[in-house]
C-alpha cells in the first residue's frame, strides 16, 4: 500500500518497512479542521498502549501482528506521527520523502 500525505502545502510519500517498534500501538487521534481537509494536530497517549503489544524487553512485539487492524497496518499515516515517535525516542523505520503534488484520478 502506498501512503501519501499533505503537510504544510507539500506532499509526501511514506517509505520504509515496519521494524516492529510499537509506535502504532499507542492510541492516537488526528484532529482535523472543520472542513476535514487539513490535519491540525496528532494526539497520542503513550501511557495506555494497545493490549496486544508485549512491551517486555525480551519480546517488544505485537501479539496479533499478522492479523492486526487496518489502522495499525497503515500507521504512520502522516509525517507528524513519525516526528512524534522520534521525539519520544520510538525508533520507527518509516520515513517520508517529498513528492510532486499527486494528480487527481479520473472517475
C-alpha atoms as a PDB file:
ATOM      1  CA  UNK A   1       0.000   0.000   0.000  1.00  0.00           C
ATOM      2  CA  UNK A   2       1.274   3.465  -0.869  1.00  0.00           C
ATOM      3  CA  UNK A   3       0.667   6.122   1.758  1.00  0.00           C
ATOM      4  CA  UNK A   4       0.652   9.752   0.615  1.00  0.00           C
ATOM      5  CA  UNK A   5       0.020  12.758   2.856  1.00  0.00           C
ATOM      6  CA  UNK A   6      -0.040  16.534   2.571  1.00  0.00           C
ATOM      7  CA  UNK A   7       1.675  18.709   5.171  1.00  0.00           C
ATOM      8  CA  UNK A   8       2.048  22.490   5.010  1.00  0.00           C
ATOM      9  CA  UNK A   9       1.355  22.608   1.271  1.00  0.00           C
ATOM     10  CA  UNK A  10       3.860  19.862   0.392  1.00  0.00           C
ATOM     11  CA  UNK A  11       3.165  16.250  -0.487  1.00  0.00           C
ATOM     12  CA  UNK A  12       4.987  13.259   0.973  1.00  0.00           C
ATOM     13  CA  UNK A  13       5.142   9.513   0.374  1.00  0.00           C
ATOM     14  CA  UNK A  14       5.855   7.064   3.189  1.00  0.00           C
ATOM     15  CA  UNK A  15       8.855   4.830   2.569  1.00  0.00           C
ATOM     16  CA  UNK A  16      10.382   2.000   4.560  1.00  0.00           C
ATOM     17  CA  UNK A  17       9.305  -1.232   6.170  1.00  0.00           C
ATOM     18  CA  UNK A  18       7.853  -1.954   9.593  1.00  0.00           C
ATOM     19  CA  UNK A  19      10.505  -2.741  12.205  1.00  0.00           C
ATOM     20  CA  UNK A  20       8.015  -3.589  14.969  1.00  0.00           C
ATOM     21  CA  UNK A  21       8.822  -0.520  17.096  1.00  0.00           C
ATOM     22  CA  UNK A  22       5.324  -0.469  18.621  1.00  0.00           C
ATOM     23  CA  UNK A  23       4.602   3.121  17.606  1.00  0.00           C
ATOM     24  CA  UNK A  24       1.296   2.068  16.077  1.00  0.00           C
ATOM     25  CA  UNK A  25       0.332   0.551  19.433  1.00  0.00           C
ATOM     26  CA  UNK A  26      -0.038   3.939  21.112  1.00  0.00           C
ATOM     27  CA  UNK A  27      -3.634   5.181  20.878  1.00  0.00           C
ATOM     28  CA  UNK A  28      -3.797   8.273  18.703  1.00  0.00           C
ATOM     29  CA  UNK A  29      -6.293  10.786  17.432  1.00  0.00           C
ATOM     30  CA  UNK A  30      -5.961  13.053  14.447  1.00  0.00           C
ATOM     31  CA  UNK A  31      -7.548  16.491  14.784  1.00  0.00           C
ATOM     32  CA  UNK A  32      -8.842  17.956  11.513  1.00  0.00           C
ATOM     33  CA  UNK A  33     -10.130  21.392  10.548  1.00  0.00           C
ATOM     34  CA  UNK A  34     -13.880  21.969  10.193  1.00  0.00           C
ATOM     35  CA  UNK A  35     -13.889  21.003   6.510  1.00  0.00           C
ATOM     36  CA  UNK A  36     -11.998  17.799   7.285  1.00  0.00           C
ATOM     37  CA  UNK A  37      -9.279  18.716   4.807  1.00  0.00           C
ATOM     38  CA  UNK A  38      -6.390  19.867   6.995  1.00  0.00           C
ATOM     39  CA  UNK A  39      -4.890  17.947   9.893  1.00  0.00           C
ATOM     40  CA  UNK A  40      -4.249  20.247  12.819  1.00  0.00           C
ATOM     41  CA  UNK A  41      -2.661  18.008  15.432  1.00  0.00           C
ATOM     42  CA  UNK A  42      -1.862  14.411  16.339  1.00  0.00           C
ATOM     43  CA  UNK A  43      -2.698  13.399  19.895  1.00  0.00           C
ATOM     44  CA  UNK A  44      -1.039  10.358  21.457  1.00  0.00           C
ATOM     45  CA  UNK A  45      -1.475   8.604  24.761  1.00  0.00           C
ATOM     46  CA  UNK A  46       1.722   6.661  25.373  1.00  0.00           C
ATOM     47  CA  UNK A  47       0.562   5.692  28.863  1.00  0.00           C
ATOM     48  CA  UNK A  48      -2.229   3.452  27.547  1.00  0.00           C
ATOM     49  CA  UNK A  49      -0.690   1.185  24.900  1.00  0.00           C
ATOM     50  CA  UNK A  50      -2.574  -1.422  22.899  1.00  0.00           C
ATOM     51  CA  UNK A  51      -3.267  -4.548  24.984  1.00  0.00           C
ATOM     52  CA  UNK A  52      -1.895  -6.714  22.130  1.00  0.00           C
ATOM     53  CA  UNK A  53       1.568  -5.142  22.331  1.00  0.00           C
ATOM     54  CA  UNK A  54       4.020  -7.043  24.516  1.00  0.00           C
ATOM     55  CA  UNK A  55       6.411  -4.377  25.758  1.00  0.00           C
ATOM     56  CA  UNK A  56       8.654  -6.686  27.767  1.00  0.00           C
ATOM     57  CA  UNK A  57      12.313  -6.222  26.914  1.00  0.00           C
ATOM     58  CA  UNK A  58      12.569  -9.786  25.564  1.00  0.00           C
ATOM     59  CA  UNK A  59       9.713  -9.535  23.060  1.00  0.00           C
ATOM     60  CA  UNK A  60       8.625  -5.957  22.258  1.00  0.00           C
ATOM     61  CA  UNK A  61       6.236  -7.335  19.662  1.00  0.00           C
ATOM     62  CA  UNK A  62       2.632  -7.113  18.569  1.00  0.00           C
ATOM     63  CA  UNK A  63       0.805 -10.264  19.632  1.00  0.00           C
ATOM     64  CA  UNK A  64      -1.572 -10.013  16.654  1.00  0.00           C
ATOM     65  CA  UNK A  65       0.874  -8.669  14.031  1.00  0.00           C
ATOM     66  CA  UNK A  66      -0.316 -10.916  11.171  1.00  0.00           C
ATOM     67  CA  UNK A  67      -3.981 -10.099  11.830  1.00  0.00           C
ATOM     68  CA  UNK A  68      -3.607  -6.557  13.177  1.00  0.00           C
ATOM     69  CA  UNK A  69      -6.311  -3.988  12.374  1.00  0.00           C
ATOM     70  CA  UNK A  70      -6.112  -1.749   9.292  1.00  0.00           C
ATOM     71  CA  UNK A  71      -5.351   1.314  11.446  1.00  0.00           C
ATOM     72  CA  UNK A  72      -2.202  -0.428  12.688  1.00  0.00           C
ATOM     73  CA  UNK A  73      -1.194  -1.642   9.213  1.00  0.00           C
ATOM     74  CA  UNK A  74      -1.480   1.865   7.770  1.00  0.00           C
ATOM     75  CA  UNK A  75       0.470   3.574  10.555  1.00  0.00           C
ATOM     76  CA  UNK A  76       2.083   6.085  10.270  1.00  0.00           C
ATOM     77  CA  UNK A  77      -0.390   7.884   8.040  1.00  0.00           C
ATOM     78  CA  UNK A  78       1.175  11.322   8.312  1.00  0.00           C
ATOM     79  CA  UNK A  79       4.682  12.805   8.755  1.00  0.00           C
ATOM     80  CA  UNK A  80       3.621  14.356  12.080  1.00  0.00           C
ATOM     81  CA  UNK A  81       3.099  10.889  13.524  1.00  0.00           C
ATOM     82  CA  UNK A  82       6.626   9.830  12.622  1.00  0.00           C
ATOM     83  CA  UNK A  83       8.025  13.080  14.035  1.00  0.00           C
ATOM     84  CA  UNK A  84       6.171  12.436  17.314  1.00  0.00           C
ATOM     85  CA  UNK A  85       7.618   8.923  17.582  1.00  0.00           C
ATOM     86  CA  UNK A  86      11.182  10.111  17.027  1.00  0.00           C
ATOM     87  CA  UNK A  87      10.706  12.927  19.541  1.00  0.00           C
ATOM     88  CA  UNK A  88       9.662  10.278  22.083  1.00  0.00           C
ATOM     89  CA  UNK A  89      12.608   8.004  21.243  1.00  0.00           C
ATOM     90  CA  UNK A  90      10.496   5.375  19.455  1.00  0.00           C
ATOM     91  CA  UNK A  91      12.600   4.106  16.549  1.00  0.00           C
ATOM     92  CA  UNK A  92      10.084   3.819  13.722  1.00  0.00           C
ATOM     93  CA  UNK A  93      11.792   2.734  10.496  1.00  0.00           C
ATOM     94  CA  UNK A  94       9.367   4.618   8.237  1.00  0.00           C
ATOM     95  CA  UNK A  95      10.288   7.983   6.783  1.00  0.00           C
ATOM     96  CA  UNK A  96       8.699  10.429   4.354  1.00  0.00           C
ATOM     97  CA  UNK A  97      10.035  11.724   1.045  1.00  0.00           C
ATOM     98  CA  UNK A  98       8.696  14.807  -0.674  1.00  0.00           C
ATOM     99  CA  UNK A  99       6.914  14.134  -3.958  1.00  0.00           C
ATOM    100  CA  UNK A 100       5.169  16.280  -6.598  1.00  0.00           C
ATOM    101  CA  UNK A 101       1.511  17.001  -5.907  1.00  0.00           C
ATOM    102  CA  UNK A 102      -0.468  13.916  -6.966  1.00  0.00           C
ATOM    103  CA  UNK A 103      -2.746  14.236  -9.972  1.00  0.00           C
ATOM    104  CA  UNK A 104      -6.458  13.767  -9.352  1.00  0.00           C
ATOM    105  CA  UNK A 105      -7.745  10.401 -10.502  1.00  0.00           C
ATOM    106  CA  UNK A 106     -10.299  10.371 -13.293  1.00  0.00           C
ATOM    107  CA  UNK A 107     -13.617   8.814 -12.346  1.00  0.00           C
END
